[in-house]
Amino acid sequence: MTGPPPRPLRLLGSLAVAWLAVAALAAPALAHEGEEKVPARTQVQRADAILRTQPEQIDLAADRINDALEAEDHEGVDLDRVKQAKEALEAGDMQKTELLLEQALGACPGEPVTSPTKVRAPLPAKPCPTPAHELALGRVPVHGTSKPVLLSIGAVLALGGLALSWRIR
């Protein structure tokens, strides 16, 4: 049987383990270093993409929005809308957050595309129109005699389509 390892090897081993522990714990702190050099436009695009594709990653999207506000290069981004998007995200309104982030980049959701080649369009001078799905939120549902009339028109059209497809066959 051999005895315990010599004292210098034990000391060297414990120093190596301590150094690796410090390096492993410092890695998350270094992860955010240099993010202020990333343009705000890129950070806003990433935040919007995260909200659309991974809606459960709200903290990551909020981090990107904060990084956009702290970025050095704010060219092509409306910071007021980014701040409004941050407030909407904190309030839990995901649709309004997405809309504000798109508008902060210069996009006007709901407006017809006139020049699809302009990827980096200038910020709109006039306010963007409200998208159609938001306009419909304040409408009153159909009541009274209008509802049965619309249902019967829909039924007649559906039956007419079935009859026409049966005759064409």
C-alpha atoms as a PDB file:
ATOM      1  CA  MET A   1       0.000   0.000   0.000  1.00  0.00           C
ATOM      2  CA  THR A   2       1.141   3.445  -0.754  1.00  0.00           C
ATOM      3  CA  GLY A   3       0.744   6.364   1.576  1.00  0.00           C
ATOM      4  CA  PRO A   4      -1.048   9.628   0.980  1.00  0.00           C
ATOM      5  CA  PRO A   5       0.151  11.652  -2.010  1.00  0.00           C
ATOM      6  CA  PRO A   6       2.932  14.060  -1.328  1.00  0.00           C
ATOM      7  CA  ARG A   7       1.875  17.414   0.041  1.00  0.00           C
ATOM      8  CA  PRO A   8       2.924  19.526  -3.025  1.00  0.00           C
ATOM      9  CA  LEU A   9       0.711  17.452  -5.371  1.00  0.00           C
ATOM     10  CA  ARG A  10      -2.278  17.840  -3.071  1.00  0.00           C
ATOM     11  CA  LEU A  11      -1.696  21.604  -2.896  1.00  0.00           C
ATOM     12  CA  LEU A  12      -1.358  21.824  -6.682  1.00  0.00           C
ATOM     13  CA  GLY A  13      -4.558  19.797  -7.174  1.00  0.00           C
ATOM     14  CA  SER A  14      -6.561  21.979  -4.786  1.00  0.00           C
ATOM     15  CA  LEU A  15      -5.290  25.135  -6.511  1.00  0.00           C
ATOM     16  CA  ALA A  16      -6.352  23.743  -9.899  1.00  0.00           C
ATOM     17  CA  VAL A  17      -9.826  22.882  -8.590  1.00  0.00           C
ATOM     18  CA  ALA A  18     -10.198  26.346  -7.027  1.00  0.00           C
ATOM     19  CA  TRP A  19      -9.119  28.027 -10.276  1.00  0.00           C
ATOM     20  CA  LEU A  20     -11.626  25.966 -12.316  1.00  0.00           C
ATOM     21  CA  ALA A  21     -14.406  26.813  -9.849  1.00  0.00           C
ATOM     22  CA  VAL A  22     -13.679  30.543 -10.158  1.00  0.00           C
ATOM     23  CA  ALA A  23     -13.573  30.280 -13.967  1.00  0.00           C
ATOM     24  CA  ALA A  24     -16.880  28.380 -14.080  1.00  0.00           C
ATOM     25  CA  LEU A  25     -18.646  30.868 -11.811  1.00  0.00           C
ATOM     26  CA  ALA A  26     -17.289  33.910 -13.666  1.00  0.00           C
ATOM     27  CA  ALA A  27     -18.526  32.746 -17.090  1.00  0.00           C
ATOM     28  CA  PRO A  28     -22.133  33.979 -16.630  1.00  0.00           C
ATOM     29  CA  ALA A  29     -20.865  37.381 -15.538  1.00  0.00           C
ATOM     30  CA  LEU A  30     -18.793  37.681 -18.709  1.00  0.00           C
ATOM     31  CA  ALA A  31     -21.727  36.661 -20.918  1.00  0.00           C
ATOM     32  CA  HIS A  32     -23.127  40.223 -20.985  1.00  0.00           C
ATOM     33  CA  GLU A  33     -19.812  41.906 -21.618  1.00  0.00           C
ATOM     34  CA  GLY A  34     -19.657  43.795 -24.906  1.00  0.00           C
ATOM     35  CA  GLU A  35     -23.430  43.837 -25.522  1.00  0.00           C
ATOM     36  CA  GLU A  36     -23.474  47.638 -25.640  1.00  0.00           C
ATOM     37  CA  LYS A  37     -21.437  47.402 -28.872  1.00  0.00           C
ATOM     38  CA  VAL A  38     -24.263  45.484 -30.595  1.00  0.00           C
ATOM     39  CA  PRO A  39     -26.511  47.982 -32.441  1.00  0.00           C
ATOM     40  CA  ALA A  40     -29.910  48.683 -30.906  1.00  0.00           C
ATOM     41  CA  ARG A  41     -31.548  47.711 -34.211  1.00  0.00           C
ATOM     42  CA  THR A  42     -30.159  44.179 -33.913  1.00  0.00           C
ATOM     43  CA  GLN A  43     -31.236  43.879 -30.277  1.00  0.00           C
ATOM     44  CA  VAL A  44     -34.796  45.013 -31.087  1.00  0.00           C
ATOM     45  CA  GLN A  45     -34.978  42.568 -34.005  1.00  0.00           C
ATOM     46  CA  ARG A  46     -33.828  39.753 -31.695  1.00  0.00           C
ATOM     47  CA  ALA A  47     -36.360  40.717 -29.015  1.00  0.00           C
ATOM     48  CA  ASP A  48     -39.165  40.711 -31.566  1.00  0.00           C
ATOM     49  CA  ALA A  49     -38.050  37.345 -32.952  1.00  0.00           C
ATOM     50  CA  ILE A  50     -37.880  35.855 -29.456  1.00  0.00           C
ATOM     51  CA  LEU A  51     -41.402  37.029 -28.634  1.00  0.00           C
ATOM     52  CA  ARG A  52     -42.759  35.596 -31.881  1.00  0.00           C
ATOM     53  CA  THR A  53     -40.987  32.227 -31.834  1.00  0.00           C
ATOM     54  CA  GLN A  54     -40.431  31.590 -28.118  1.00  0.00           C
ATOM     55  CA  PRO A  55     -43.133  33.459 -26.169  1.00  0.00           C
ATOM     56  CA  GLU A  56     -42.191  31.635 -22.970  1.00  0.00           C
ATOM     57  CA  GLN A  57     -38.753  33.347 -23.010  1.00  0.00           C
ATOM     58  CA  ILE A  58     -40.061  36.688 -21.727  1.00  0.00           C
ATOM     59  CA  ASP A  59     -36.975  37.305 -19.579  1.00  0.00           C
ATOM     60  CA  LEU A  60     -34.668  36.887 -22.576  1.00  0.00           C
ATOM     61  CA  ALA A  61     -36.778  39.292 -24.649  1.00  0.00           C
ATOM     62  CA  ALA A  62     -36.778  41.817 -21.790  1.00  0.00           C
ATOM     63  CA  ASP A  63     -32.995  41.483 -21.599  1.00  0.00           C
ATOM     64  CA  ARG A  64     -32.702  42.241 -25.334  1.00  0.00           C
ATOM     65  CA  ILE A  65     -34.964  45.281 -24.977  1.00  0.00           C
ATOM     66  CA  ASN A  66     -32.826  46.566 -22.097  1.00  0.00           C
ATOM     67  CA  ASP A  67     -29.686  45.935 -24.163  1.00  0.00           C
ATOM     68  CA  ALA A  68     -31.222  47.942 -27.021  1.00  0.00           C
ATOM     69  CA  LEU A  69     -31.840  50.870 -24.695  1.00  0.00           C
ATOM     70  CA  GLU A  70     -28.250  50.672 -23.389  1.00  0.00           C
ATOM     71  CA  ALA A  71     -26.633  50.219 -26.818  1.00  0.00           C
ATOM     72  CA  GLU A  72     -24.199  52.788 -28.170  1.00  0.00           C
ATOM     73  CA  ASP A  73     -25.596  52.733 -31.745  1.00  0.00           C
ATOM     74  CA  HIS A  74     -29.267  53.774 -31.834  1.00  0.00           C
ATOM     75  CA  GLU A  75     -29.431  54.445 -35.569  1.00  0.00           C
ATOM     76  CA  GLY A  76     -32.703  53.416 -37.196  1.00  0.00           C
ATOM     77  CA  VAL A  77     -34.534  52.769 -33.905  1.00  0.00           C
ATOM     78  CA  ASP A  78     -37.224  54.840 -32.235  1.00  0.00           C
ATOM     79  CA  LEU A  79     -36.189  54.635 -28.575  1.00  0.00           C
ATOM     80  CA  ASP A  80     -39.496  56.059 -27.324  1.00  0.00           C
ATOM     81  CA  ARG A  81     -41.332  53.097 -28.851  1.00  0.00           C
ATOM     82  CA  VAL A  82     -38.756  50.699 -27.411  1.00  0.00           C
ATOM     83  CA  LYS A  83     -39.430  52.186 -23.958  1.00  0.00           C
ATOM     84  CA  GLN A  84     -43.174  51.806 -24.539  1.00  0.00           C
ATOM     85  CA  ALA A  85     -42.580  48.193 -25.615  1.00  0.00           C
ATOM     86  CA  LYS A  86     -40.651  47.586 -22.393  1.00  0.00           C
ATOM     87  CA  GLU A  87     -43.586  48.943 -20.363  1.00  0.00           C
ATOM     88  CA  ALA A  88     -46.062  46.832 -22.354  1.00  0.00           C
ATOM     89  CA  LEU A  89     -43.948  43.719 -21.794  1.00  0.00           C
ATOM     90  CA  GLU A  90     -43.798  44.411 -18.059  1.00  0.00           C
ATOM     91  CA  ALA A  91     -47.603  44.774 -18.115  1.00  0.00           C
ATOM     92  CA  GLY A  92     -47.872  41.397 -19.867  1.00  0.00           C
ATOM     93  CA  ASP A  93     -49.304  42.692 -23.168  1.00  0.00           C
ATOM     94  CA  MET A  94     -47.388  40.582 -25.710  1.00  0.00           C
ATOM     95  CA  GLN A  95     -49.252  41.771 -28.833  1.00  0.00           C
ATOM     96  CA  LYS A  96     -48.717  45.429 -28.029  1.00  0.00           C
ATOM     97  CA  THR A  97     -45.047  44.722 -27.287  1.00  0.00           C
ATOM     98  CA  GLU A  98     -44.550  43.052 -30.684  1.00  0.00           C
ATOM     99  CA  LEU A  99     -46.366  45.887 -32.437  1.00  0.00           C
ATOM    100  CA  LEU A 100     -44.286  48.567 -30.695  1.00  0.00           C
ATOM    101  CA  LEU A 101     -41.024  46.741 -31.435  1.00  0.00           C
ATOM    102  CA  GLU A 102     -41.927  46.532 -35.128  1.00  0.00           C
ATOM    103  CA  GLN A 103     -42.840  50.199 -35.167  1.00  0.00           C
ATOM    104  CA  ALA A 104     -39.577  51.049 -33.398  1.00  0.00           C
ATOM    105  CA  LEU A 105     -37.754  49.494 -36.353  1.00  0.00           C
ATOM    106  CA  GLY A 106     -39.712  51.574 -38.854  1.00  0.00           C
ATOM    107  CA  ALA A 107     -42.248  48.946 -39.884  1.00  0.00           C
ATOM    108  CA  CYS A 108     -45.901  49.844 -40.029  1.00  0.00           C
ATOM    109  CA  PRO A 109     -47.917  46.668 -39.579  1.00  0.00           C
ATOM    110  CA  GLY A 110     -51.186  46.951 -41.464  1.00  0.00           C
ATOM    111  CA  GLU A 111     -49.822  49.347 -44.069  1.00  0.00           C
ATOM    112  CA  PRO A 112     -49.479  48.080 -47.657  1.00  0.00           C
ATOM    113  CA  VAL A 113     -45.947  47.235 -48.811  1.00  0.00           C
ATOM    114  CA  THR A 114     -45.016  49.714 -51.507  1.00  0.00           C
ATOM    115  CA  SER A 115     -41.325  48.936 -51.865  1.00  0.00           C
ATOM    116  CA  PRO A 116     -40.268  45.492 -50.641  1.00  0.00           C
ATOM    117  CA  THR A 117     -36.652  46.190 -51.601  1.00  0.00           C
ATOM    118  CA  LYS A 118     -36.250  48.768 -48.820  1.00  0.00           C
ATOM    119  CA  VAL A 119     -35.080  46.524 -46.012  1.00  0.00           C
ATOM    120  CA  ARG A 120     -33.802  49.392 -43.895  1.00  0.00           C
ATOM    121  CA  ALA A 121     -36.521  51.942 -44.432  1.00  0.00           C
ATOM    122  CA  PRO A 122     -36.318  55.273 -42.607  1.00  0.00           C
ATOM    123  CA  LEU A 123     -38.499  55.709 -39.564  1.00  0.00           C
ATOM    124  CA  PRO A 124     -42.011  56.789 -40.543  1.00  0.00           C
ATOM    125  CA  ALA A 125     -42.716  60.496 -40.210  1.00  0.00           C
ATOM    126  CA  LYS A 126     -46.440  59.933 -39.733  1.00  0.00           C
ATOM    127  CA  PRO A 127     -47.824  57.585 -37.109  1.00  0.00           C
ATOM    128  CA  CYS A 128     -48.514  54.056 -38.275  1.00  0.00           C
ATOM    129  CA  PRO A 129     -52.128  53.088 -38.865  1.00  0.00           C
ATOM    130  CA  THR A 130     -53.655  50.808 -36.293  1.00  0.00           C
ATOM    131  CA  PRO A 131     -53.636  47.212 -37.585  1.00  0.00           C
ATOM    132  CA  ALA A 132     -56.979  45.754 -38.611  1.00  0.00           C
ATOM    133  CA  HIS A 133     -57.068  43.192 -35.797  1.00  0.00           C
ATOM    134  CA  GLU A 134     -56.807  45.995 -33.239  1.00  0.00           C
ATOM    135  CA  LEU A 135     -59.536  47.992 -34.957  1.00  0.00           C
ATOM    136  CA  ALA A 136     -61.876  45.026 -34.596  1.00  0.00           C
ATOM    137  CA  LEU A 137     -61.425  44.830 -30.826  1.00  0.00           C
ATOM    138  CA  GLY A 138     -63.815  47.700 -30.112  1.00  0.00           C
ATOM    139  CA  ARG A 139     -66.626  46.503 -32.375  1.00  0.00           C
ATOM    140  CA  VAL A 140     -70.007  45.427 -31.080  1.00  0.00           C
ATOM    141  CA  PRO A 141     -71.046  41.824 -31.817  1.00  0.00           C
ATOM    142  CA  VAL A 142     -73.976  41.189 -34.167  1.00  0.00           C
ATOM    143  CA  HIS A 143     -77.342  41.151 -32.346  1.00  0.00           C
ATOM    144  CA  GLY A 144     -81.033  41.128 -33.183  1.00  0.00           C
ATOM    145  CA  THR A 145     -82.329  40.117 -36.595  1.00  0.00           C
ATOM    146  CA  SER A 146     -78.957  40.627 -38.278  1.00  0.00           C
ATOM    147  CA  LYS A 147     -77.534  37.442 -36.828  1.00  0.00           C
ATOM    148  CA  PRO A 148     -80.132  34.997 -38.278  1.00  0.00           C
ATOM    149  CA  VAL A 149     -80.046  36.801 -41.630  1.00  0.00           C
ATOM    150  CA  LEU A 150     -76.255  36.505 -41.855  1.00  0.00           C
ATOM    151  CA  LEU A 151     -76.373  32.854 -40.779  1.00  0.00           C
ATOM    152  CA  SER A 152     -78.981  32.005 -43.407  1.00  0.00           C
ATOM    153  CA  ILE A 153     -76.988  33.795 -46.125  1.00  0.00           C
ATOM    154  CA  GLY A 154     -73.920  31.797 -45.094  1.00  0.00           C
ATOM    155  CA  ALA A 155     -75.904  28.541 -45.153  1.00  0.00           C
ATOM    156  CA  VAL A 156     -77.304  29.301 -48.638  1.00  0.00           C
ATOM    157  CA  LEU A 157     -73.790  30.053 -49.920  1.00  0.00           C
ATOM    158  CA  ALA A 158     -72.413  26.840 -48.404  1.00  0.00           C
ATOM    159  CA  LEU A 159     -75.234  24.738 -49.902  1.00  0.00           C
ATOM    160  CA  GLY A 160     -74.790  26.478 -53.246  1.00  0.00           C
ATOM    161  CA  GLY A 161     -71.095  25.639 -53.189  1.00  0.00           C
ATOM    162  CA  LEU A 162     -71.849  21.999 -52.403  1.00  0.00           C
ATOM    163  CA  ALA A 163     -74.434  21.791 -55.208  1.00  0.00           C
ATOM    164  CA  LEU A 164     -72.047  23.408 -57.655  1.00  0.00           C
ATOM    165  CA  SER A 165     -69.212  21.031 -56.744  1.00  0.00           C
ATOM    166  CA  TRP A 166     -71.589  18.054 -57.087  1.00  0.00           C
ATOM    167  CA  ARG A 167     -72.737  19.209 -60.582  1.00  0.00           C
ATOM    168  CA  ILE A 168     -69.181  19.811 -61.770  1.00  0.00           C
ATOM    169  CA  ARG A 169     -68.118  16.315 -60.707  1.00  0.00           C
END
